[in-house]
Amino acid sequence: MTLNLPLPDSIQNFINEQVAIKGYSNAAEYILHLIRQEQARTARVEFLIL
């Protein structure tokens, strides 16, 4: 799936900085990493609730 999001310049700049600092190949890789982290966090919370 392709997702196109309009982002304010400040957020785009932040993403670009994080890509460069943390060694991601591109913005998509960085954002995918953030989503996976959130999925893992949510799974841990759900596990603890059960």
C-alpha atoms as a PDB file:
ATOM      1  CA  MET A   1       0.000   0.000   0.000  1.00  0.00           C
ATOM      2  CA  THR A   2       1.162   3.485  -0.750  1.00  0.00           C
ATOM      3  CA  LEU A   3       0.174   6.275   1.598  1.00  0.00           C
ATOM      4  CA  ASN A   4       0.666   9.919   0.717  1.00  0.00           C
ATOM      5  CA  LEU A   5       0.538  12.312   3.647  1.00  0.00           C
ATOM      6  CA  PRO A   6       0.820  16.068   3.448  1.00  0.00           C
ATOM      7  CA  LEU A   7       3.204  17.089   6.228  1.00  0.00           C
ATOM      8  CA  PRO A   8       4.132  20.510   7.548  1.00  0.00           C
ATOM      9  CA  ASP A   9       7.692  21.536   6.752  1.00  0.00           C
ATOM     10  CA  SER A  10       8.671  21.289  10.417  1.00  0.00           C
ATOM     11  CA  ILE A  11       7.669  17.615  10.578  1.00  0.00           C
ATOM     12  CA  GLN A  12       9.285  16.828   7.242  1.00  0.00           C
ATOM     13  CA  ASN A  13      12.492  18.454   8.478  1.00  0.00           C
ATOM     14  CA  PHE A  14      12.353  16.435  11.688  1.00  0.00           C
ATOM     15  CA  ILE A  15      11.870  13.199   9.739  1.00  0.00           C
ATOM     16  CA  ASN A  16      14.758  14.034   7.431  1.00  0.00           C
ATOM     17  CA  GLU A  17      16.987  14.734  10.430  1.00  0.00           C
ATOM     18  CA  GLN A  18      16.052  11.450  12.090  1.00  0.00           C
ATOM     19  CA  VAL A  19      16.696   9.522   8.875  1.00  0.00           C
ATOM     20  CA  ALA A  20      20.167  11.050   8.634  1.00  0.00           C
ATOM     21  CA  ILE A  21      21.044  10.773  12.332  1.00  0.00           C
ATOM     22  CA  LYS A  22      19.766   7.263  12.878  1.00  0.00           C
ATOM     23  CA  GLY A  23      20.925   5.810   9.582  1.00  0.00           C
ATOM     24  CA  TYR A  24      17.635   4.927   7.956  1.00  0.00           C
ATOM     25  CA  SER A  25      17.617   4.548   4.184  1.00  0.00           C
ATOM     26  CA  ASN A  26      14.660   6.879   3.722  1.00  0.00           C
ATOM     27  CA  ALA A  27      11.655   8.441   5.433  1.00  0.00           C
ATOM     28  CA  ALA A  28       9.435   5.431   4.741  1.00  0.00           C
ATOM     29  CA  GLU A  29      11.827   3.134   6.592  1.00  0.00           C
ATOM     30  CA  TYR A  30      11.895   5.476   9.585  1.00  0.00           C
ATOM     31  CA  ILE A  31       8.104   5.809   9.716  1.00  0.00           C
ATOM     32  CA  LEU A  32       7.657   2.051   9.325  1.00  0.00           C
ATOM     33  CA  HIS A  33      10.024   1.570  12.277  1.00  0.00           C
ATOM     34  CA  LEU A  34       7.929   3.943  14.396  1.00  0.00           C
ATOM     35  CA  ILE A  35       4.736   2.094  13.500  1.00  0.00           C
ATOM     36  CA  ARG A  36       6.291  -1.264  14.383  1.00  0.00           C
ATOM     37  CA  GLN A  37       7.435   0.138  17.730  1.00  0.00           C
ATOM     38  CA  GLU A  38       3.899   1.323  18.449  1.00  0.00           C
ATOM     39  CA  GLN A  39       2.473  -2.078  17.480  1.00  0.00           C
ATOM     40  CA  ALA A  40       4.873  -3.793  19.882  1.00  0.00           C
ATOM     41  CA  ARG A  41       4.037  -1.339  22.664  1.00  0.00           C
ATOM     42  CA  THR A  42       0.313  -1.872  22.137  1.00  0.00           C
ATOM     43  CA  ALA A  43       0.742  -5.649  22.182  1.00  0.00           C
ATOM     44  CA  ARG A  44       2.672  -5.421  25.487  1.00  0.00           C
ATOM     45  CA  VAL A  45      -0.036  -3.251  27.059  1.00  0.00           C
ATOM     46  CA  GLU A  46      -2.771  -5.614  25.882  1.00  0.00           C
ATOM     47  CA  PHE A  47      -0.829  -8.577  27.272  1.00  0.00           C
ATOM     48  CA  LEU A  48      -0.441  -6.878  30.650  1.00  0.00           C
ATOM     49  CA  ILE A  49      -4.140  -6.026  30.772  1.00  0.00           C
ATOM     50  CA  LEU A  50      -5.100  -9.631  30.163  1.00  0.00           C
END
